[in-house]
C-alpha cells in the first residue's frame, strides 16, 4: 500500500511508466503461460502415443500396452479352420520308406504254431520320424592312366569339387538358411550344426559360406530389383538399422511376388537414388507420408493404416469427432471396394460421388474445429504453428488423390502392409543380433534375404 501511494504522489508520469512496465510484464507472463501450455500438450501427446494410435512399434509400449482394439469389423465366420481349408493333419503315407512286419508265431490261447497259416489281414500304424542325422561323405576318385606314348592322362573332377576336403552345397544352403532366414547368430548356427550333424563348422567358415552365397546371388537379385522397377504397383518402406555401431537405413521395395532389400548410410533421396528403383519407376509407389518419396514423378498412394492410427489419436487424445467420422468413411470405402472387386474393377459413379462428398464434409468439420492460429504479433514472415490434427487434416485434403487411390483403382491396396511385413522380419533380426558388425555383412544379409523372401512369395 505504501509503495502504491508513493507512486501515486510521484505524479502522473511515474504512474504511466509503472503501468506500462506492469503491462509488459503481464504480456510476457501470458506468453510464457501459453508456451508452457503448448509444451504440456506436446508432452501429453507424446505420452498418449502407442502402437495402436501412431506409427510407434509395439516394442515401445513396454508396460503400458494398449487394450486390443481392432479396426476390422466383426467377422460372420466361425473361429478356427474354414470350409475348404486343407489343414495340417498327419496322414498315412501311401509308400512308406521302410516296412517292418511283426509276425504272429503262435496262438495266444492254445500255443499252436501259426507260422505257416495264411493271413487274415494286416493292421497298419506308421511312425513319421527323422532319419539318422549325419553328414554323408562322398569321395570323388579320378583315374590316372599313362598312354603307351608316355603321356599321363587324368579324369576331371566334377564342377565345384575344388579342394581335397570341403563342405557340399546342401550343408552350405542349410547354414545360410539358418543364419539369414531363421536369424540364428553365428555362434548358435555353428552350435546347431554341431549338435545335429556332428559338423565342426567354424564361425569363420560360416562367414566365408555367406560371402560365397552373396556373390552367387548378384545376378538373380538384380533381376528381382528389375522386376519390382517394372511393376504396376510397388510398396516402399525404410527403417533404422545399425552397422558398426552407426545408424544406417534399411530400405525395402516389395510386390506380392518379389522383395528387394538394400542398406544405406542415408535415409532420404540420396539413398533412394543410389538404390535406383524410384528414379525411373513408372508405376504407383505405395508408402507412408514421407516427403522424399514425393520427389519422384511416379504416381503415389498413401498408407491408410497410418492414417487410421493417427485419426484414433486425434479422436481419443484431442476429442475431435471428425476423426472418428473419417475412420468410418475410410473403412466404408474399403468395404465397398471389397464387395465390388469380385465382379467389377471400379465403383459406380454414384458411389464415387457420394464418398467424395462425404470425405469433403468431414474435412470441413475438421477445419471448423482446427482453425489456423493467428500470426505472431510483429512477424510478417514465417510459417504459422499448426497442431497435429491440423497437419493431418491438410495432408488428407492436399493428398486426397493419393489417400483415396485404392477407391479409384482396385489394383491399389488400402495400406502399405506388404512392405511393413517385409521389413518387420528385418527388425526381428535386429532385436536378435543388435547390429551388423561390418558393411559387407549387412549387404550380404540384405541380398540373401531378398532372394529367400522372393522365393517364399513364389
Protein backbone atom coordinates (compact mmCIF):
# COMPACT_ATOMS: atom_id res chain seq x y z
CA UNK A 1 0.00 0.00 0.00
CA UNK A 2 2.75 2.40 0.90
CA UNK A 3 4.55 1.67 -2.39
CA UNK A 4 1.37 2.32 -4.35
CA UNK A 5 0.76 5.61 -2.53
CA UNK A 6 4.34 6.67 -3.19
CA UNK A 7 3.88 6.05 -6.90
CA UNK A 8 0.56 7.95 -6.85
CA UNK A 9 2.10 11.01 -5.19
CA UNK A 10 5.11 10.92 -7.55
CA UNK A 11 2.95 12.26 -10.35
CA UNK A 12 1.15 11.09 -13.50
CA UNK A 13 4.32 10.36 -15.48
CA UNK A 14 5.55 7.88 -12.88
CA UNK A 15 2.14 6.20 -12.74
CA UNK A 16 2.05 5.79 -16.53
CA UNK A 17 5.59 4.42 -16.58
CA UNK A 18 4.81 1.87 -13.86
CA UNK A 19 1.59 0.82 -15.61
CA UNK A 20 3.41 0.31 -18.89
CA UNK A 21 6.05 -1.77 -17.13
CA UNK A 22 3.39 -3.90 -15.44
CA UNK A 23 1.53 -4.31 -18.72
CA UNK A 24 4.72 -5.54 -20.43
CA UNK A 25 5.33 -7.99 -17.60
CA UNK A 26 1.74 -9.28 -17.81
CA UNK A 27 2.07 -9.80 -21.57
CA UNK A 28 5.36 -11.62 -21.08
CA UNK A 29 3.83 -13.85 -18.40
CA UNK A 30 0.82 -14.59 -20.60
CA UNK A 31 3.13 -15.59 -23.43
CA UNK A 32 5.13 -17.71 -21.03
CA UNK A 33 1.95 -19.46 -19.84
CA UNK A 34 0.87 -20.05 -23.44
CA UNK A 35 4.27 -21.54 -24.30
CA UNK A 36 4.19 -23.79 -21.24
CA UNK A 37 0.66 -24.95 -22.07
CA UNK A 38 1.77 -25.82 -25.59
CA UNK A 39 4.73 -27.72 -24.15
CA UNK A 40 2.46 -29.61 -21.73
CA UNK A 41 0.09 -30.52 -24.56
CA UNK A 42 3.03 -31.71 -26.65
CA UNK A 43 4.33 -33.90 -23.81
CA UNK A 44 0.84 -35.26 -23.14
CA UNK A 45 0.54 -36.15 -26.82
CA UNK A 46 3.87 -37.96 -26.69
CA UNK A 47 2.84 -39.94 -23.62
CA UNK A 48 -0.51 -40.84 -25.19
CA UNK A 49 1.05 -42.31 -28.33
CA UNK A 50 1.36 -46.06 -28.63
CA UNK A 51 1.42 -48.72 -31.33
CA UNK A 52 -2.36 -48.52 -31.79
CA UNK A 53 -2.70 -44.79 -32.44
CA UNK A 54 0.62 -43.91 -34.05
CA UNK A 55 3.50 -45.36 -36.07
CA UNK A 56 5.39 -46.39 -32.94
CA UNK A 57 6.30 -50.10 -32.92
CA UNK A 58 4.72 -52.40 -30.31
CA UNK A 59 8.12 -52.85 -28.66
CA UNK A 60 7.92 -49.25 -27.38
CA UNK A 61 4.67 -49.88 -25.47
CA UNK A 62 6.62 -51.57 -22.67
CA UNK A 63 4.46 -51.90 -19.54
CA UNK A 64 1.64 -49.67 -20.81
CA UNK A 65 0.33 -51.79 -23.63
CA UNK A 66 -2.98 -50.51 -25.05
CA UNK A 67 -6.02 -52.73 -24.86
CA UNK A 68 -6.52 -54.63 -28.12
CA UNK A 69 -8.96 -52.76 -30.35
CA UNK A 70 -9.03 -53.84 -33.96
CA UNK A 71 -10.29 -51.55 -36.70
CA UNK A 72 -11.58 -54.56 -38.60
CA UNK A 73 -15.29 -55.27 -38.48
CA UNK A 74 -16.59 -58.35 -36.69
CA UNK A 75 -16.48 -61.36 -38.98
CA UNK A 76 -19.53 -63.55 -39.52
CA UNK A 77 -17.35 -66.63 -39.93
CA UNK A 78 -16.83 -69.02 -37.00
CA UNK A 79 -13.43 -69.25 -35.36
CA UNK A 80 -11.00 -71.96 -36.39
CA UNK A 81 -10.44 -73.60 -39.77
CA UNK A 82 -12.82 -72.59 -42.54
CA UNK A 83 -14.56 -74.93 -45.03
CA UNK A 84 -12.12 -75.96 -47.73
CA UNK A 85 -9.06 -75.40 -45.55
CA UNK A 86 -6.59 -78.23 -46.18
CA UNK A 87 -5.46 -78.44 -42.57
CA UNK A 88 -2.28 -80.00 -41.22
CA UNK A 89 -3.46 -83.42 -40.02
CA UNK A 90 -0.78 -86.09 -40.15
CA UNK A 91 -1.87 -88.69 -42.72
CA UNK A 92 -0.53 -92.13 -43.58
CA UNK A 93 1.98 -92.30 -46.43
CA UNK A 94 0.97 -94.46 -49.40
CA UNK A 95 4.54 -95.66 -49.95
CA UNK A 96 6.47 -95.89 -46.67
CA UNK A 97 10.25 -95.93 -46.87
CA UNK A 98 10.53 -98.98 -44.64
CA UNK A 99 8.06 -101.75 -43.74
CA UNK A 100 8.73 -103.63 -40.54
CA UNK A 101 6.48 -106.74 -40.28
CA UNK A 102 5.50 -108.12 -36.88
CA UNK A 103 4.51 -111.78 -37.31
CA UNK A 104 2.13 -113.99 -35.34
CA UNK A 105 4.15 -117.09 -34.34
CA UNK A 106 1.77 -118.97 -32.02
CA UNK A 107 -1.82 -118.95 -30.84
CA UNK A 108 -2.22 -117.00 -27.61
CA UNK A 109 -4.81 -119.48 -26.30
CA UNK A 110 -3.61 -122.99 -27.27
CA UNK A 111 0.03 -122.33 -28.18
CA UNK A 112 -0.23 -123.96 -31.63
CA UNK A 113 2.32 -122.75 -34.25
CA UNK A 114 0.80 -120.38 -36.84
CA UNK A 115 3.97 -119.73 -38.84
CA UNK A 116 2.60 -121.41 -41.98
CA UNK A 117 -1.02 -120.25 -41.68
CA UNK A 118 -2.37 -117.76 -44.23
CA UNK A 119 -3.01 -114.13 -43.19
CA UNK A 120 -6.47 -112.91 -42.30
CA UNK A 121 -5.35 -109.30 -42.75
CA UNK A 122 -2.82 -106.68 -41.69
CA UNK A 123 -3.31 -103.73 -39.35
CA UNK A 124 -1.06 -100.73 -40.10
CA UNK A 125 0.41 -97.99 -37.97
CA UNK A 126 3.07 -95.54 -39.18
CA UNK A 127 5.73 -93.51 -37.41
CA UNK A 128 6.98 -90.37 -39.16
CA UNK A 129 10.45 -89.60 -37.85
CA UNK A 130 13.75 -88.05 -38.88
CA UNK A 131 16.43 -90.26 -40.38
CA UNK A 132 19.74 -90.63 -38.59
CA UNK A 133 21.29 -87.18 -38.94
CA UNK A 134 24.90 -87.23 -40.01
CA UNK A 135 26.95 -85.84 -42.85
CA UNK A 136 27.12 -88.03 -45.95
CA UNK A 137 30.68 -88.12 -47.22
CA UNK A 138 31.12 -88.61 -50.96
CA UNK A 139 34.65 -89.33 -52.15
CA UNK A 140 35.45 -88.45 -55.76
CA UNK A 141 38.23 -90.57 -57.28
CA UNK A 142 39.61 -89.59 -60.65
CA UNK A 143 41.62 -92.15 -62.59
CA UNK A 144 45.06 -91.59 -63.98
CA UNK A 145 46.28 -93.63 -66.96
CA UNK A 146 49.56 -93.45 -68.84
CA UNK A 147 49.34 -93.88 -72.58
CA UNK A 148 51.92 -96.08 -74.37
CA UNK A 149 53.11 -92.81 -75.92
CA UNK A 150 54.18 -91.77 -72.45
CA UNK A 151 51.53 -89.10 -71.74
CA UNK A 152 49.84 -89.29 -68.32
CA UNK A 153 46.07 -88.78 -68.62
CA UNK A 154 43.78 -87.85 -65.71
CA UNK A 155 39.98 -87.64 -65.50
CA UNK A 156 38.37 -84.37 -64.39
CA UNK A 157 36.75 -83.74 -61.01
CA UNK A 158 33.11 -82.57 -61.15
CA UNK A 159 32.48 -78.82 -61.21
CA UNK A 160 32.67 -77.33 -57.73
CA UNK A 161 34.89 -80.05 -56.31
CA UNK A 162 37.99 -77.92 -55.83
CA UNK A 163 39.63 -78.87 -52.53
CA UNK A 164 40.84 -82.14 -51.01
CA UNK A 165 38.12 -81.82 -48.35
CA UNK A 166 35.19 -79.38 -48.48
CA UNK A 167 31.55 -78.88 -47.50
CA UNK A 168 28.85 -79.61 -50.06
CA UNK A 169 26.08 -77.32 -51.32
CA UNK A 170 23.40 -78.93 -49.14
CA UNK A 171 25.21 -78.11 -45.90
CA UNK A 172 26.08 -74.63 -47.16
CA UNK A 173 22.44 -73.95 -48.04
CA UNK A 174 21.35 -75.13 -44.60
CA UNK A 175 23.90 -72.87 -42.89
CA UNK A 176 22.84 -69.82 -44.91
CA UNK A 177 19.16 -70.58 -44.29
CA UNK A 178 19.65 -70.82 -40.53
CA UNK A 179 21.73 -67.65 -40.38
CA UNK A 180 19.88 -65.39 -42.80
CA UNK A 181 16.31 -66.63 -42.67
CA UNK A 182 15.90 -68.03 -39.16
CA UNK A 183 18.18 -65.31 -37.71
CA UNK A 184 20.42 -67.60 -35.69
CA UNK A 185 23.62 -65.79 -34.70
CA UNK A 186 26.93 -67.14 -35.99
CA UNK A 187 27.76 -69.00 -32.80
CA UNK A 188 24.36 -70.66 -32.44
CA UNK A 189 24.26 -71.65 -36.13
CA UNK A 190 27.59 -73.46 -35.72
CA UNK A 191 26.36 -74.98 -32.46
CA UNK A 192 23.18 -76.32 -34.07
CA UNK A 193 25.09 -77.91 -36.96
CA UNK A 194 27.50 -79.50 -34.50
CA UNK A 195 24.72 -80.83 -32.26
CA UNK A 196 22.54 -82.24 -35.03
CA UNK A 197 25.07 -83.34 -37.65
CA UNK A 198 28.34 -83.59 -35.72
CA UNK A 199 29.68 -80.92 -38.08
CA UNK A 200 32.59 -78.87 -36.71
CA UNK A 201 31.85 -75.74 -38.76
CA UNK A 202 33.67 -72.65 -37.51
CA UNK A 203 32.26 -69.11 -37.49
CA UNK A 204 34.94 -68.06 -39.97
CA UNK A 205 33.95 -70.81 -42.39
CA UNK A 206 30.29 -69.81 -41.98
CA UNK A 207 31.22 -66.21 -42.84
CA UNK A 208 33.01 -67.46 -45.97
CA UNK A 209 29.95 -69.52 -46.98
CA UNK A 210 27.70 -66.47 -46.60
CA UNK A 211 30.17 -64.42 -48.66
CA UNK A 212 30.12 -67.05 -51.41
CA UNK A 213 26.31 -67.07 -51.42
CA UNK A 214 26.32 -63.26 -51.60
CA UNK A 215 28.47 -63.34 -54.73
CA UNK A 216 26.40 -66.07 -56.42
CA UNK A 217 23.14 -64.16 -55.88
CA UNK A 218 24.26 -60.93 -57.53
CA UNK A 219 22.54 -61.61 -60.86
CA UNK A 220 19.34 -63.22 -59.51
CA UNK A 221 18.75 -60.38 -57.05
CA UNK A 222 19.41 -57.84 -59.80
CA UNK A 223 16.59 -59.50 -61.75
CA UNK A 224 14.35 -59.20 -58.68
CA UNK A 225 15.16 -55.49 -58.48
CA UNK A 226 14.35 -55.01 -62.17
CA UNK A 227 11.05 -56.84 -61.78
CA UNK A 228 10.00 -54.51 -58.97
CA UNK A 229 11.09 -51.47 -61.01
CA UNK A 230 8.75 -52.58 -63.82
CA UNK A 231 5.76 -53.35 -61.56
CA UNK A 232 2.49 -51.51 -61.87
CA UNK A 233 2.26 -51.12 -58.07
CA UNK A 234 5.16 -51.40 -55.63
CA UNK A 235 5.46 -50.84 -51.89
CA UNK A 236 8.30 -48.93 -50.21
CA UNK A 237 9.38 -48.58 -46.59
CA UNK A 238 12.52 -47.94 -44.56
CA UNK A 239 13.70 -48.49 -41.01
CA UNK A 240 16.77 -47.71 -38.96
CA UNK A 241 19.50 -50.32 -38.56
CA UNK A 242 22.98 -50.25 -37.07
CA UNK A 243 26.16 -51.08 -38.92
CA UNK A 244 29.42 -50.98 -36.98
CA UNK A 245 27.62 -49.06 -34.23
CA UNK A 246 26.38 -46.30 -36.56
CA UNK A 247 22.82 -45.60 -37.65
CA UNK A 248 22.13 -46.77 -41.22
CA UNK A 249 18.83 -47.21 -43.01
CA UNK A 250 17.37 -50.43 -44.31
CA UNK A 251 15.19 -49.84 -47.38
CA UNK A 252 12.61 -52.33 -48.67
CA UNK A 253 10.81 -52.44 -52.02
CA UNK A 254 8.08 -55.05 -52.37
CA UNK A 255 5.45 -56.55 -54.63
CA UNK A 256 3.32 -59.64 -53.91
CA UNK A 257 5.92 -61.75 -55.77
CA UNK A 258 9.23 -60.00 -55.09
CA UNK A 259 11.21 -58.41 -52.26
CA UNK A 260 14.31 -56.26 -52.51
CA UNK A 261 16.35 -55.02 -49.55
CA UNK A 262 19.25 -52.62 -49.51
CA UNK A 263 21.05 -50.86 -46.68
CA UNK A 264 22.48 -47.35 -46.93
CA UNK A 265 24.01 -44.74 -44.57
CA UNK A 266 21.28 -42.25 -45.58
CA UNK A 267 17.52 -42.31 -45.37
CA UNK A 268 16.40 -39.71 -47.93
CA UNK A 269 16.67 -39.07 -51.65
CA UNK A 270 20.40 -39.78 -51.71
CA UNK A 271 19.75 -43.38 -50.66
CA UNK A 272 16.69 -43.79 -52.90
CA UNK A 273 18.69 -42.52 -55.88
CA UNK A 274 21.55 -44.91 -55.10
CA UNK A 275 19.17 -47.88 -54.84
CA UNK A 276 17.90 -46.97 -58.29
CA UNK A 277 14.29 -48.18 -58.33
CA UNK A 278 12.29 -44.99 -57.80
CA UNK A 279 14.19 -42.61 -60.14
CA UNK A 280 12.82 -44.38 -63.25
CA UNK A 281 9.76 -46.01 -61.67
CA UNK A 282 6.62 -45.57 -63.81
CA UNK A 283 4.09 -47.41 -61.65
CA UNK A 284 2.41 -46.35 -58.42
CA UNK A 285 4.53 -46.19 -55.27
CA UNK A 286 2.72 -47.08 -52.03
CA UNK A 287 4.32 -45.59 -48.92
CA UNK A 288 3.74 -43.59 -45.78
CA UNK A 289 3.71 -39.80 -45.86
CA UNK A 290 7.45 -39.19 -46.03
CA UNK A 291 8.43 -36.23 -48.15
CA UNK A 292 11.42 -37.69 -50.09
CA UNK A 293 9.10 -40.19 -51.82
CA UNK A 294 7.14 -37.32 -53.36
CA UNK A 295 10.27 -36.00 -55.08
CA UNK A 296 9.82 -38.75 -57.69
CA UNK A 297 7.45 -38.27 -60.60
CA UNK A 298 5.62 -41.59 -60.42
CA UNK A 299 2.06 -41.96 -59.17
CA UNK A 300 1.74 -42.30 -55.40
CA UNK A 301 -0.55 -43.99 -52.90
CA UNK A 302 -0.59 -43.34 -49.16
CA UNK A 303 -0.86 -45.96 -46.45
CA UNK A 304 -4.27 -45.62 -44.83
CA UNK A 305 -3.28 -47.87 -41.93
CA UNK A 306 -1.06 -44.95 -40.84
CA UNK A 307 -3.98 -42.56 -41.30
CA UNK A 308 -6.27 -44.74 -39.18
CA UNK A 309 -3.79 -44.82 -36.30
CA UNK A 310 -3.31 -41.05 -36.41
CA UNK A 311 -7.07 -40.49 -36.58
CA UNK A 312 -7.52 -42.70 -33.49
CA UNK A 313 -5.02 -40.49 -31.69
CA UNK A 314 -6.83 -37.27 -32.70
CA UNK A 315 -10.19 -38.72 -31.64
CA UNK A 316 -9.04 -40.12 -28.29
CA UNK A 317 -6.46 -37.53 -27.26
CA UNK A 318 -7.94 -34.34 -28.74
CA UNK A 319 -11.61 -35.47 -28.55
CA UNK A 320 -12.43 -34.40 -32.11
CA UNK A 321 -15.40 -36.17 -33.67
CA UNK A 322 -14.38 -35.52 -37.27
CA UNK A 323 -11.52 -38.00 -36.84
CA UNK A 324 -13.91 -40.78 -35.83
CA UNK A 325 -16.12 -39.92 -38.81
CA UNK A 326 -13.10 -40.10 -41.14
CA UNK A 327 -12.20 -43.54 -39.78
CA UNK A 328 -15.71 -44.77 -40.59
CA UNK A 329 -15.54 -43.17 -44.04
CA UNK A 330 -12.25 -44.81 -44.99
CA UNK A 331 -13.36 -48.21 -43.71
CA UNK A 332 -16.70 -47.92 -45.52
CA UNK A 333 -14.89 -47.17 -48.78
CA UNK A 334 -12.63 -50.15 -48.19
CA UNK A 335 -15.65 -52.38 -47.59
CA UNK A 336 -17.38 -51.09 -50.74
CA UNK A 337 -14.25 -51.83 -52.78
CA UNK A 338 -14.01 -55.34 -51.31
CA UNK A 339 -17.64 -56.07 -52.21
CA UNK A 340 -17.26 -54.72 -55.75
CA UNK A 341 -13.89 -56.30 -56.58
CA UNK A 342 -15.12 -59.85 -57.45
CA UNK A 343 -17.42 -58.58 -60.21
CA UNK A 344 -16.04 -55.15 -61.22
CA UNK A 345 -12.83 -53.16 -61.45
CA UNK A 346 -14.23 -49.85 -60.21
CA UNK A 347 -17.01 -48.35 -58.08
CA UNK A 348 -20.07 -46.86 -59.72
CA UNK A 349 -20.13 -43.13 -60.40
CA UNK A 350 -22.86 -42.63 -57.79
CA UNK A 351 -20.73 -44.39 -55.17
CA UNK A 352 -17.68 -42.30 -56.06
CA UNK A 353 -19.59 -39.02 -55.85
CA UNK A 354 -21.20 -39.98 -52.54
CA UNK A 355 -17.89 -40.96 -50.95
CA UNK A 356 -16.15 -37.83 -52.27
CA UNK A 357 -18.88 -35.59 -50.86
CA UNK A 358 -18.76 -37.41 -47.52
CA UNK A 359 -14.97 -37.09 -47.41
CA UNK A 360 -15.19 -33.34 -48.08
CA UNK A 361 -17.87 -32.81 -45.42
CA UNK A 362 -15.67 -34.46 -42.82
CA UNK A 363 -12.71 -32.28 -43.82
CA UNK A 364 -14.91 -29.18 -43.47
CA UNK A 365 -15.88 -30.29 -39.96
CA UNK A 366 -12.22 -30.76 -39.12
CA UNK A 367 -11.24 -27.32 -40.37
CA UNK A 368 -14.02 -25.79 -38.25
CA UNK A 369 -12.58 -27.47 -35.15
CA UNK A 370 -8.98 -26.64 -36.06
CA UNK A 371 -8.74 -23.04 -37.32
CA UNK A 372 -5.33 -21.62 -38.08
CA UNK A 373 -3.76 -19.84 -35.14
CA UNK A 374 -3.26 -16.08 -35.61
CA UNK A 375 0.08 -14.95 -36.93
CA UNK A 376 2.54 -13.99 -34.15
CA UNK A 377 2.44 -10.26 -33.37
CA UNK A 378 5.12 -8.30 -35.17
CA UNK A 379 6.04 -11.14 -37.55
CA UNK A 380 5.15 -10.83 -41.22
CA UNK A 381 7.05 -13.91 -42.36
CA UNK A 382 7.44 -17.47 -41.24
CA UNK A 383 5.11 -20.45 -41.01
CA UNK A 384 2.25 -20.47 -38.59
CA UNK A 385 2.42 -23.07 -35.88
CA UNK A 386 -0.06 -25.89 -36.52
CA UNK A 387 -1.45 -28.60 -34.30
CA UNK A 388 -1.20 -32.29 -35.12
CA UNK A 389 -4.90 -32.51 -36.01
CA UNK A 390 -4.50 -29.55 -38.37
CA UNK A 391 -1.46 -31.12 -40.04
CA UNK A 392 -3.34 -34.39 -40.54
CA UNK A 393 -6.32 -32.52 -41.96
CA UNK A 394 -4.19 -30.69 -44.51
CA UNK A 395 -2.48 -33.92 -45.54
CA UNK A 396 -5.81 -35.70 -46.10
CA UNK A 397 -7.02 -32.65 -48.02
CA UNK A 398 -3.99 -31.84 -50.19
CA UNK A 399 -3.20 -35.53 -50.89
CA UNK A 400 -6.73 -36.87 -51.18
CA UNK A 401 -5.97 -38.45 -54.55
CA UNK A 402 -3.12 -40.44 -53.00
CA UNK A 403 -5.11 -41.30 -49.86
CA UNK A 404 -8.10 -42.50 -51.92
CA UNK A 405 -6.13 -44.10 -54.75
CA UNK A 406 -7.50 -47.51 -53.70
CA UNK A 407 -11.02 -46.21 -54.35
CA UNK A 408 -10.31 -45.26 -57.96
CA UNK A 409 -8.03 -48.17 -58.90
CA UNK A 410 -8.71 -51.63 -57.46
CA UNK A 411 -5.12 -52.71 -58.09
CA UNK A 412 -4.00 -50.20 -55.44
CA UNK A 413 -4.09 -51.59 -51.88
CA UNK A 414 -5.66 -49.81 -48.93
CA UNK A 415 -2.41 -49.77 -46.96
CA UNK A 416 1.32 -50.39 -47.11
CA UNK A 417 1.20 -53.55 -45.02
CA UNK A 418 3.08 -55.60 -47.62
CA UNK A 419 6.27 -53.54 -47.24
CA UNK A 420 5.79 -53.30 -43.47
CA UNK A 421 5.53 -57.09 -43.20
CA UNK A 422 8.67 -57.50 -45.27
CA UNK A 423 10.64 -55.03 -43.18
CA UNK A 424 9.27 -56.33 -39.87
CA UNK A 425 11.33 -59.51 -40.14
CA UNK A 426 14.45 -57.41 -40.57
CA UNK A 427 13.61 -55.72 -37.26
CA UNK A 428 13.37 -59.19 -35.70
CA UNK A 429 16.92 -59.83 -36.90
CA UNK A 430 18.00 -56.55 -35.34
CA UNK A 431 16.44 -57.49 -32.00
CA UNK A 432 18.31 -60.79 -32.02
CA UNK A 433 21.71 -59.64 -33.22
CA UNK A 434 21.63 -55.94 -32.31
CA UNK A 435 23.70 -54.74 -35.24
CA UNK A 436 25.78 -55.72 -38.24
CA UNK A 437 29.46 -55.92 -37.45
CA UNK A 438 30.52 -54.89 -40.96
CA UNK A 439 29.14 -53.19 -44.04
CA UNK A 440 29.91 -56.29 -46.11
CA UNK A 441 27.92 -58.47 -43.69
CA UNK A 442 24.95 -56.10 -43.81
CA UNK A 443 24.89 -56.03 -47.61
CA UNK A 444 25.28 -59.80 -47.83
CA UNK A 445 22.38 -60.25 -45.43
CA UNK A 446 20.14 -57.93 -47.49
CA UNK A 447 20.92 -59.68 -50.78
CA UNK A 448 20.42 -63.19 -49.42
CA UNK A 449 17.24 -62.18 -47.59
CA UNK A 450 15.92 -60.58 -50.82
CA UNK A 451 16.36 -63.90 -52.62
CA UNK A 452 14.84 -66.07 -49.89
CA UNK A 453 11.88 -63.73 -49.31
CA UNK A 454 11.15 -63.67 -53.06
CA UNK A 455 11.40 -67.46 -53.23
CA UNK A 456 8.94 -67.77 -50.34
CA UNK A 457 6.46 -65.46 -52.08
CA UNK A 458 6.59 -67.64 -55.17
